[in-house]
Amino acid sequence: MRTGLDDDRRRPLDRDHPHYRQALYALAWQDRWSDEQHRDYWTALVAAWPRERGQRQLREAMGWAAHELRRYGLDDAAIADVLAVDVDTIRRRDLHGAGEMVWHEQIEQPAIRFARHGPQPPLPRVWTDGDELPAFSWVNLPLAALQRPREVVAIEVRLHRKLDELRETA
């Protein structure tokens, strides 16, 4: 399943997983659902879908923050200060590259697809190994259902505080 949220990796479900049949149902019907049916189904199921194991990666969230801060003219030292990381972390994790990837996949390409083909089906979406990864489109879940990790929220709070400060001084 792809939720459309930055750094949100979900595990593939095996046939013996308790939610496998629900995933098959979504796979068969997700393209026929109204926006309301889609929202209601995923609001109920997204919290139960297991996340990838291991340490949470924050590359996309931090990359987007670095991208936005760089647009306001901040250098890597200032960006690292806002993100509460070492300057070298920006290079090692290629946060600028990650920010460009988020821009491309979540803003630039959806706008091009919309202009050519109209609105795309909303995320979350289920797909099989034989299918292409679902393209980014709008995320059709209420904020309460997203269960965004506190680490991501902390990055966003630091980013928005700094952006507000930069806008006030501009």
N, C-alpha and C. Protein backbone atom coordinates (compact mmCIF):
# COMPACT_ATOMS: atom_id res chain seq x y z
N MET A 1 0.84 -1.17 0.00
CA MET A 1 0.00 0.00 0.00
C MET A 1 0.89 1.24 0.00
N ARG A 2 0.47 2.22 -0.75
CA ARG A 2 1.16 3.52 -0.77
C ARG A 2 0.18 4.55 -0.21
N THR A 3 0.60 5.23 0.87
CA THR A 3 -0.30 6.19 1.50
C THR A 3 -0.17 7.58 0.92
N GLY A 4 1.00 7.91 0.36
CA GLY A 4 1.22 9.26 -0.13
C GLY A 4 1.86 10.17 0.90
N LEU A 5 2.10 9.66 2.08
CA LEU A 5 2.73 10.45 3.13
C LEU A 5 4.24 10.29 3.06
N ASP A 6 4.97 11.36 3.28
CA ASP A 6 6.43 11.28 3.25
C ASP A 6 6.93 10.30 4.29
N ASP A 7 7.91 9.51 3.88
CA ASP A 7 8.60 8.56 4.75
C ASP A 7 7.67 7.53 5.39
N ASP A 8 6.54 7.25 4.76
CA ASP A 8 5.59 6.28 5.29
C ASP A 8 5.69 5.01 4.45
N ARG A 9 6.42 4.05 4.95
CA ARG A 9 6.64 2.79 4.24
C ARG A 9 5.78 1.70 4.88
N ARG A 10 4.97 1.05 4.08
CA ARG A 10 4.10 -0.02 4.57
C ARG A 10 4.57 -1.35 4.00
N ARG A 11 4.39 -2.39 4.79
CA ARG A 11 4.84 -3.73 4.40
C ARG A 11 3.87 -4.36 3.40
N PRO A 12 4.40 -5.17 2.51
CA PRO A 12 3.52 -5.99 1.68
C PRO A 12 2.82 -7.02 2.58
N LEU A 13 1.62 -7.39 2.22
CA LEU A 13 0.88 -8.36 3.01
C LEU A 13 0.97 -9.74 2.36
N ASP A 14 1.28 -10.75 3.17
CA ASP A 14 1.26 -12.14 2.71
C ASP A 14 -0.17 -12.66 2.80
N ARG A 15 -0.40 -13.78 2.11
CA ARG A 15 -1.74 -14.37 2.11
C ARG A 15 -2.26 -14.69 3.50
N ASP A 16 -1.36 -14.97 4.43
CA ASP A 16 -1.80 -15.35 5.78
C ASP A 16 -2.00 -14.15 6.71
N HIS A 17 -1.75 -12.95 6.21
CA HIS A 17 -1.94 -11.77 7.06
C HIS A 17 -3.45 -11.54 7.28
N PRO A 18 -3.84 -11.13 8.49
CA PRO A 18 -5.27 -10.93 8.77
C PRO A 18 -5.96 -9.91 7.86
N HIS A 19 -5.22 -8.97 7.29
CA HIS A 19 -5.84 -7.94 6.45
C HIS A 19 -5.67 -8.20 4.95
N TYR A 20 -5.16 -9.38 4.61
CA TYR A 20 -4.92 -9.69 3.20
C TYR A 20 -6.20 -9.62 2.37
N ARG A 21 -7.28 -10.17 2.88
CA ARG A 21 -8.55 -10.17 2.12
C ARG A 21 -9.08 -8.75 1.96
N GLN A 22 -8.87 -7.89 2.95
CA GLN A 22 -9.28 -6.50 2.83
C GLN A 22 -8.45 -5.79 1.76
N ALA A 23 -7.16 -6.15 1.67
CA ALA A 23 -6.31 -5.57 0.64
C ALA A 23 -6.77 -6.02 -0.75
N LEU A 24 -7.14 -7.29 -0.88
CA LEU A 24 -7.65 -7.78 -2.17
C LEU A 24 -8.94 -7.06 -2.55
N TYR A 25 -9.79 -6.82 -1.57
CA TYR A 25 -11.03 -6.09 -1.81
C TYR A 25 -10.71 -4.69 -2.33
N ALA A 26 -9.77 -4.01 -1.67
CA ALA A 26 -9.39 -2.66 -2.11
C ALA A 26 -8.81 -2.70 -3.52
N LEU A 27 -7.97 -3.69 -3.79
CA LEU A 27 -7.36 -3.81 -5.11
C LEU A 27 -8.43 -3.95 -6.20
N ALA A 28 -9.45 -4.72 -5.91
CA ALA A 28 -10.51 -4.96 -6.89
C ALA A 28 -11.43 -3.76 -7.07
N TRP A 29 -11.67 -2.99 -6.01
CA TRP A 29 -12.71 -1.98 -6.05
C TRP A 29 -12.22 -0.54 -5.98
N GLN A 30 -10.98 -0.30 -5.64
CA GLN A 30 -10.53 1.07 -5.38
C GLN A 30 -10.75 2.03 -6.55
N ASP A 31 -10.73 1.55 -7.76
CA ASP A 31 -10.93 2.43 -8.91
C ASP A 31 -12.42 2.72 -9.18
N ARG A 32 -13.29 2.05 -8.48
CA ARG A 32 -14.74 2.27 -8.65
C ARG A 32 -15.36 3.05 -7.50
N TRP A 33 -14.61 3.24 -6.42
CA TRP A 33 -15.14 3.93 -5.25
C TRP A 33 -15.33 5.41 -5.51
N SER A 34 -16.33 5.97 -4.87
CA SER A 34 -16.44 7.43 -4.84
C SER A 34 -15.36 7.95 -3.88
N ASP A 35 -15.12 9.24 -3.91
CA ASP A 35 -14.14 9.81 -2.98
C ASP A 35 -14.52 9.51 -1.53
N GLU A 36 -15.81 9.55 -1.23
CA GLU A 36 -16.26 9.29 0.13
C GLU A 36 -16.02 7.84 0.53
N GLN A 37 -16.31 6.91 -0.37
CA GLN A 37 -16.07 5.50 -0.08
C GLN A 37 -14.57 5.24 0.11
N HIS A 38 -13.77 5.84 -0.73
CA HIS A 38 -12.32 5.69 -0.62
C HIS A 38 -11.83 6.21 0.72
N ARG A 39 -12.25 7.41 1.08
CA ARG A 39 -11.84 8.01 2.36
C ARG A 39 -12.28 7.15 3.54
N ASP A 40 -13.53 6.70 3.52
CA ASP A 40 -14.04 5.92 4.64
C ASP A 40 -13.31 4.58 4.78
N TYR A 41 -13.08 3.91 3.65
CA TYR A 41 -12.40 2.61 3.69
C TYR A 41 -10.99 2.76 4.27
N TRP A 42 -10.22 3.72 3.73
CA TRP A 42 -8.84 3.86 4.17
C TRP A 42 -8.72 4.47 5.56
N THR A 43 -9.68 5.29 5.95
CA THR A 43 -9.66 5.82 7.31
C THR A 43 -9.73 4.67 8.30
N ALA A 44 -10.52 3.67 7.97
CA ALA A 44 -10.67 2.51 8.85
C ALA A 44 -9.46 1.57 8.78
N LEU A 45 -8.85 1.41 7.61
CA LEU A 45 -7.83 0.36 7.45
C LEU A 45 -6.39 0.85 7.57
N VAL A 46 -6.10 2.10 7.26
CA VAL A 46 -4.71 2.53 7.19
C VAL A 46 -3.98 2.34 8.53
N ALA A 47 -4.65 2.55 9.63
CA ALA A 47 -3.99 2.39 10.94
C ALA A 47 -3.64 0.93 11.22
N ALA A 48 -4.38 0.00 10.63
CA ALA A 48 -4.13 -1.42 10.87
C ALA A 48 -3.06 -1.99 9.93
N TRP A 49 -2.76 -1.29 8.84
CA TRP A 49 -1.80 -1.81 7.88
C TRP A 49 -0.40 -1.67 8.48
N PRO A 50 0.37 -2.75 8.53
CA PRO A 50 1.67 -2.69 9.21
C PRO A 50 2.70 -1.85 8.46
N ARG A 51 3.50 -1.13 9.22
CA ARG A 51 4.60 -0.35 8.66
C ARG A 51 5.82 -1.24 8.47
N GLU A 52 6.74 -0.78 7.61
CA GLU A 52 8.01 -1.48 7.46
C GLU A 52 8.71 -1.52 8.81
N ARG A 53 9.43 -2.58 9.05
CA ARG A 53 10.18 -2.72 10.30
C ARG A 53 11.48 -1.91 10.21
N GLY A 54 12.04 -1.65 11.36
CA GLY A 54 13.32 -0.96 11.42
C GLY A 54 13.16 0.50 11.76
N GLN A 55 14.28 1.17 11.79
CA GLN A 55 14.29 2.58 12.16
C GLN A 55 13.59 3.41 11.09
N ARG A 56 12.77 4.34 11.54
CA ARG A 56 12.04 5.21 10.62
C ARG A 56 13.02 6.12 9.90
N GLN A 57 12.91 6.17 8.60
CA GLN A 57 13.71 7.08 7.80
C GLN A 57 12.96 8.40 7.67
N LEU A 58 13.67 9.50 7.77
CA LEU A 58 13.04 10.82 7.68
C LEU A 58 13.59 11.60 6.49
N ARG A 59 14.14 10.92 5.53
CA ARG A 59 14.82 11.57 4.42
C ARG A 59 13.88 12.46 3.61
N GLU A 60 12.67 12.02 3.32
CA GLU A 60 11.75 12.83 2.52
C GLU A 60 11.28 14.06 3.28
N ALA A 61 10.91 13.89 4.55
CA ALA A 61 10.46 15.03 5.35
C ALA A 61 11.59 16.04 5.54
N MET A 62 12.78 15.55 5.85
CA MET A 62 13.92 16.46 6.02
C MET A 62 14.33 17.07 4.68
N GLY A 63 14.26 16.29 3.63
CA GLY A 63 14.60 16.79 2.30
C GLY A 63 13.67 17.90 1.86
N TRP A 64 12.37 17.72 2.12
CA TRP A 64 11.42 18.77 1.74
C TRP A 64 11.70 20.04 2.54
N ALA A 65 11.98 19.89 3.83
CA ALA A 65 12.30 21.05 4.66
C ALA A 65 13.55 21.75 4.12
N ALA A 66 14.58 20.97 3.79
CA ALA A 66 15.81 21.56 3.24
C ALA A 66 15.51 22.29 1.93
N HIS A 67 14.68 21.69 1.10
CA HIS A 67 14.30 22.29 -0.18
C HIS A 67 13.64 23.66 0.04
N GLU A 68 12.68 23.70 0.95
CA GLU A 68 11.96 24.94 1.22
C GLU A 68 12.87 26.00 1.84
N LEU A 69 13.73 25.59 2.75
CA LEU A 69 14.64 26.55 3.39
C LEU A 69 15.67 27.08 2.39
N ARG A 70 16.12 26.23 1.49
CA ARG A 70 17.07 26.68 0.47
C ARG A 70 16.42 27.70 -0.47
N ARG A 71 15.12 27.51 -0.75
CA ARG A 71 14.39 28.47 -1.59
C ARG A 71 14.38 29.86 -0.94
N TYR A 72 14.46 29.91 0.37
CA TYR A 72 14.51 31.19 1.08
C TYR A 72 15.94 31.69 1.27
N GLY A 73 16.89 31.01 0.67
CA GLY A 73 18.26 31.50 0.67
C GLY A 73 19.13 31.01 1.81
N LEU A 74 18.67 30.09 2.62
CA LEU A 74 19.49 29.60 3.72
C LEU A 74 20.59 28.69 3.19
N ASP A 75 21.76 28.77 3.81
CA ASP A 75 22.85 27.87 3.45
C ASP A 75 22.73 26.59 4.27
N ASP A 76 23.61 25.62 3.99
CA ASP A 76 23.51 24.32 4.65
C ASP A 76 23.68 24.42 6.16
N ALA A 77 24.52 25.32 6.64
CA ALA A 77 24.70 25.46 8.09
C ALA A 77 23.40 25.93 8.75
N ALA A 78 22.72 26.88 8.14
CA ALA A 78 21.45 27.38 8.70
C ALA A 78 20.37 26.31 8.59
N ILE A 79 20.35 25.59 7.49
CA ILE A 79 19.37 24.51 7.31
C ILE A 79 19.59 23.43 8.36
N ALA A 80 20.85 23.06 8.57
CA ALA A 80 21.17 22.05 9.58
C ALA A 80 20.73 22.51 10.97
N ASP A 81 20.89 23.79 11.26
CA ASP A 81 20.46 24.33 12.54
C ASP A 81 18.95 24.19 12.72
N VAL A 82 18.19 24.52 11.69
CA VAL A 82 16.73 24.41 11.76
C VAL A 82 16.31 22.95 11.94
N LEU A 83 16.96 22.05 11.23
CA LEU A 83 16.60 20.64 11.28
C LEU A 83 17.20 19.90 12.47
N ALA A 84 18.07 20.58 13.22
CA ALA A 84 18.73 19.99 14.40
C ALA A 84 19.57 18.77 14.02
N VAL A 85 20.35 18.92 12.94
CA VAL A 85 21.27 17.87 12.51
C VAL A 85 22.63 18.50 12.24
N ASP A 86 23.65 17.67 12.10
CA ASP A 86 24.97 18.15 11.70
C ASP A 86 24.92 18.57 10.24
N VAL A 87 25.77 19.52 9.88
CA VAL A 87 25.83 19.97 8.48
C VAL A 87 26.15 18.79 7.57
N ASP A 88 27.02 17.90 8.02
CA ASP A 88 27.41 16.76 7.20
C ASP A 88 26.22 15.83 6.91
N THR A 89 25.22 15.83 7.76
CA THR A 89 24.04 14.99 7.55
C THR A 89 23.32 15.39 6.27
N ILE A 90 23.32 16.65 5.96
CA ILE A 90 22.66 17.13 4.74
C ILE A 90 23.30 16.49 3.51
N ARG A 91 24.62 16.42 3.50
CA ARG A 91 25.33 15.81 2.38
C ARG A 91 25.19 14.29 2.40
N ARG A 92 25.44 13.67 3.58
CA ARG A 92 25.40 12.21 3.67
C ARG A 92 24.04 11.64 3.27
N ARG A 93 22.97 12.28 3.68
CA ARG A 93 21.62 11.80 3.36
C ARG A 93 21.10 12.39 2.06
N ASP A 94 21.90 13.19 1.40
CA ASP A 94 21.51 13.87 0.16
C ASP A 94 20.12 14.49 0.32
N LEU A 95 19.99 15.33 1.34
CA LEU A 95 18.69 15.93 1.62
C LEU A 95 18.23 16.87 0.51
N HIS A 96 19.16 17.53 -0.14
CA HIS A 96 18.74 18.40 -1.25
C HIS A 96 18.20 17.56 -2.41
N GLY A 97 18.83 16.43 -2.67
CA GLY A 97 18.32 15.52 -3.69
C GLY A 97 16.96 14.96 -3.31
N ALA A 98 16.79 14.64 -2.03
CA ALA A 98 15.50 14.13 -1.56
C ALA A 98 14.41 15.20 -1.71
N GLY A 99 14.74 16.44 -1.39
CA GLY A 99 13.78 17.53 -1.54
C GLY A 99 13.38 17.74 -2.98
N GLU A 100 14.36 17.64 -3.90
CA GLU A 100 14.05 17.75 -5.33
C GLU A 100 13.16 16.60 -5.79
N MET A 101 13.42 15.40 -5.26
CA MET A 101 12.60 14.25 -5.61
C MET A 101 11.16 14.46 -5.13
N VAL A 102 10.98 14.96 -3.90
CA VAL A 102 9.64 15.22 -3.38
C VAL A 102 8.95 16.26 -4.27
N TRP A 103 9.67 17.33 -4.62
CA TRP A 103 9.11 18.37 -5.49
C TRP A 103 8.65 17.75 -6.82
N HIS A 104 9.51 16.95 -7.41
CA HIS A 104 9.22 16.35 -8.70
C HIS A 104 8.02 15.39 -8.62
N GLU A 105 8.04 14.47 -7.64
CA GLU A 105 7.01 13.44 -7.55
C GLU A 105 5.68 13.95 -7.01
N GLN A 106 5.72 14.92 -6.10
CA GLN A 106 4.49 15.30 -5.41
C GLN A 106 3.91 16.63 -5.89
N ILE A 107 4.66 17.40 -6.63
CA ILE A 107 4.14 18.69 -7.09
C ILE A 107 4.21 18.81 -8.61
N GLU A 108 5.41 18.66 -9.16
CA GLU A 108 5.61 18.87 -10.59
C GLU A 108 4.89 17.82 -11.44
N GLN A 109 5.16 16.53 -11.21
CA GLN A 109 4.55 15.48 -12.02
C GLN A 109 3.04 15.39 -11.87
N PRO A 110 2.47 15.49 -10.65
CA PRO A 110 1.00 15.47 -10.56
C PRO A 110 0.36 16.62 -11.34
N ALA A 111 0.99 17.79 -11.35
CA ALA A 111 0.42 18.92 -12.11
C ALA A 111 0.43 18.61 -13.61
N ILE A 112 1.50 17.99 -14.10
CA ILE A 112 1.58 17.63 -15.52
C ILE A 112 0.54 16.57 -15.85
N ARG A 113 0.44 15.53 -14.99
CA ARG A 113 -0.56 14.47 -15.23
C ARG A 113 -1.97 15.03 -15.21
N PHE A 114 -2.23 15.95 -14.27
CA PHE A 114 -3.57 16.55 -14.17
C PHE A 114 -3.89 17.33 -15.45
N ALA A 115 -2.92 18.10 -15.94
CA ALA A 115 -3.15 18.89 -17.15
C ALA A 115 -3.42 17.98 -18.36
N ARG A 116 -2.76 16.83 -18.41
CA ARG A 116 -2.92 15.93 -19.56
C ARG A 116 -4.11 14.99 -19.44
N HIS A 117 -4.34 14.46 -18.23
CA HIS A 117 -5.30 13.36 -18.08
C HIS A 117 -6.41 13.63 -17.09
N GLY A 118 -6.41 14.77 -16.45
CA GLY A 118 -7.40 15.04 -15.41
C GLY A 118 -6.96 14.47 -14.08
N PRO A 119 -7.83 14.50 -13.09
CA PRO A 119 -7.44 14.05 -11.75
C PRO A 119 -7.11 12.55 -11.72
N GLN A 120 -6.10 12.21 -10.96
CA GLN A 120 -5.71 10.81 -10.77
C GLN A 120 -6.45 10.25 -9.55
N PRO A 121 -6.53 8.92 -9.45
CA PRO A 121 -7.18 8.34 -8.27
C PRO A 121 -6.43 8.75 -7.00
N PRO A 122 -7.13 8.93 -5.91
CA PRO A 122 -6.47 9.37 -4.68
C PRO A 122 -5.66 8.26 -4.03
N LEU A 123 -4.71 8.65 -3.22
CA LEU A 123 -3.97 7.72 -2.36
C LEU A 123 -4.69 7.68 -1.02
N PRO A 124 -4.56 6.64 -0.24
CA PRO A 124 -3.78 5.43 -0.41
C PRO A 124 -4.30 4.54 -1.54
N ARG A 125 -3.41 3.69 -2.01
CA ARG A 125 -3.74 2.73 -3.05
C ARG A 125 -2.99 1.43 -2.78
N VAL A 126 -3.61 0.35 -3.19
CA VAL A 126 -3.00 -0.98 -3.12
C VAL A 126 -2.54 -1.33 -4.52
N TRP A 127 -1.43 -2.03 -4.61
CA TRP A 127 -0.97 -2.54 -5.90
C TRP A 127 -0.27 -3.86 -5.67
N THR A 128 -0.08 -4.61 -6.74
CA THR A 128 0.60 -5.90 -6.65
C THR A 128 2.01 -5.76 -7.21
N ASP A 129 2.81 -6.79 -6.99
CA ASP A 129 4.20 -6.76 -7.49
C ASP A 129 4.27 -6.56 -8.99
N GLY A 130 3.28 -7.02 -9.73
CA GLY A 130 3.28 -6.89 -11.18
C GLY A 130 2.86 -5.51 -11.67
N ASP A 131 2.32 -4.69 -10.79
CA ASP A 131 1.86 -3.36 -11.16
C ASP A 131 2.95 -2.32 -10.95
N GLU A 132 2.78 -1.18 -11.61
CA GLU A 132 3.65 -0.04 -11.35
C GLU A 132 3.28 0.59 -10.03
N LEU A 133 4.26 1.17 -9.34
CA LEU A 133 3.99 1.89 -8.11
C LEU A 133 2.98 2.99 -8.41
N PRO A 134 1.93 3.12 -7.61
CA PRO A 134 0.93 4.16 -7.88
C PRO A 134 1.57 5.55 -7.90
N ALA A 135 1.19 6.34 -8.87
CA ALA A 135 1.72 7.70 -8.96
C ALA A 135 1.17 8.54 -7.82
N PHE A 136 1.93 9.53 -7.42
CA PHE A 136 1.46 10.41 -6.36
C PHE A 136 0.26 11.20 -6.87
N SER A 137 -0.74 11.28 -6.04
CA SER A 137 -1.89 12.14 -6.31
C SER A 137 -2.29 12.71 -4.95
N TRP A 138 -3.47 13.20 -4.83
CA TRP A 138 -3.89 13.73 -3.54
C TRP A 138 -4.18 12.60 -2.57
N VAL A 139 -4.00 12.89 -1.27
CA VAL A 139 -4.19 11.89 -0.22
C VAL A 139 -5.59 12.09 0.36
N ASN A 140 -6.41 11.08 0.24
CA ASN A 140 -7.82 11.17 0.60
C ASN A 140 -8.07 10.60 2.00
N LEU A 141 -7.42 11.18 3.01
CA LEU A 141 -7.64 10.76 4.38
C LEU A 141 -7.78 11.98 5.27
N PRO A 142 -8.65 11.93 6.26
CA PRO A 142 -8.70 13.04 7.21
C PRO A 142 -7.42 13.05 8.05
N LEU A 143 -7.01 14.22 8.49
CA LEU A 143 -5.76 14.33 9.25
C LEU A 143 -5.72 13.41 10.46
N ALA A 144 -6.84 13.21 11.11
CA ALA A 144 -6.85 12.37 12.30
C ALA A 144 -6.46 10.93 11.99
N ALA A 145 -6.68 10.47 10.77
CA ALA A 145 -6.38 9.09 10.40
C ALA A 145 -4.93 8.88 9.98
N LEU A 146 -4.21 9.95 9.78
CA LEU A 146 -2.87 9.82 9.20
C LEU A 146 -1.85 9.28 10.19
N GLN A 147 -2.03 9.50 11.46
CA GLN A 147 -1.09 9.01 12.48
C GLN A 147 0.35 9.32 12.08
N ARG A 148 0.59 10.58 11.81
CA ARG A 148 1.92 10.97 11.38
C ARG A 148 2.89 10.86 12.54
N PRO A 149 4.06 10.32 12.31
CA PRO A 149 5.04 10.13 13.38
C PRO A 149 5.47 11.46 13.99
N ARG A 150 5.73 11.44 15.28
CA ARG A 150 6.10 12.68 15.97
C ARG A 150 7.39 13.28 15.42
N GLU A 151 8.29 12.44 14.91
CA GLU A 151 9.54 12.95 14.34
C GLU A 151 9.26 13.80 13.10
N VAL A 152 8.31 13.37 12.28
CA VAL A 152 7.94 14.13 11.08
C VAL A 152 7.25 15.43 11.48
N VAL A 153 6.35 15.35 12.45
CA VAL A 153 5.66 16.54 12.93
C VAL A 153 6.66 17.55 13.49
N ALA A 154 7.67 17.06 14.22
CA ALA A 154 8.68 17.96 14.79
C ALA A 154 9.46 18.68 13.69
N ILE A 155 9.80 17.98 12.63
CA ILE A 155 10.49 18.61 11.49
C ILE A 155 9.60 19.69 10.89
N GLU A 156 8.33 19.37 10.69
CA GLU A 156 7.41 20.34 10.09
C GLU A 156 7.23 21.57 10.98
N VAL A 157 7.15 21.37 12.28
CA VAL A 157 7.01 22.50 13.20
C VAL A 157 8.23 23.41 13.11
N ARG A 158 9.43 22.82 13.14
CA ARG A 158 10.66 23.64 13.04
C ARG A 158 10.71 24.37 11.70
N LEU A 159 10.33 23.69 10.62
CA LEU A 159 10.32 24.31 9.30
C LEU A 159 9.36 25.50 9.27
N HIS A 160 8.14 25.30 9.72
CA HIS A 160 7.14 26.37 9.64
C HIS A 160 7.47 27.55 10.54
N ARG A 161 8.07 27.28 11.69
CA ARG A 161 8.51 28.39 12.55
C ARG A 161 9.56 29.23 11.85
N LYS A 162 10.50 28.56 11.21
CA LYS A 162 11.57 29.30 10.52
C LYS A 162 11.00 30.03 9.32
N LEU A 163 10.12 29.41 8.56
CA LEU A 163 9.53 30.08 7.41
C LEU A 163 8.72 31.30 7.84
N ASP A 164 7.98 31.18 8.93
CA ASP A 164 7.24 32.32 9.45
C ASP A 164 8.19 33.46 9.83
N GLU A 165 9.29 33.10 10.47
CA GLU A 165 10.30 34.09 10.86
C GLU A 165 10.89 34.77 9.63
N LEU A 166 11.20 33.99 8.60
CA LEU A 166 11.77 34.55 7.36
C LEU A 166 10.78 35.46 6.65
N ARG A 167 9.51 35.08 6.66
CA ARG A 167 8.50 35.92 6.01
C ARG A 167 8.30 37.23 6.76
N GLU A 168 8.39 37.20 8.07
CA GLU A 168 8.24 38.41 8.88
C GLU A 168 9.36 39.41 8.63
N THR A 169 10.55 38.90 8.40
CA THR A 169 11.70 39.79 8.21
C THR A 169 11.86 40.23 6.76
N ALA A 170 11.10 39.60 5.86
CA ALA A 170 11.22 39.95 4.43
C ALA A 170 10.47 41.23 4.08
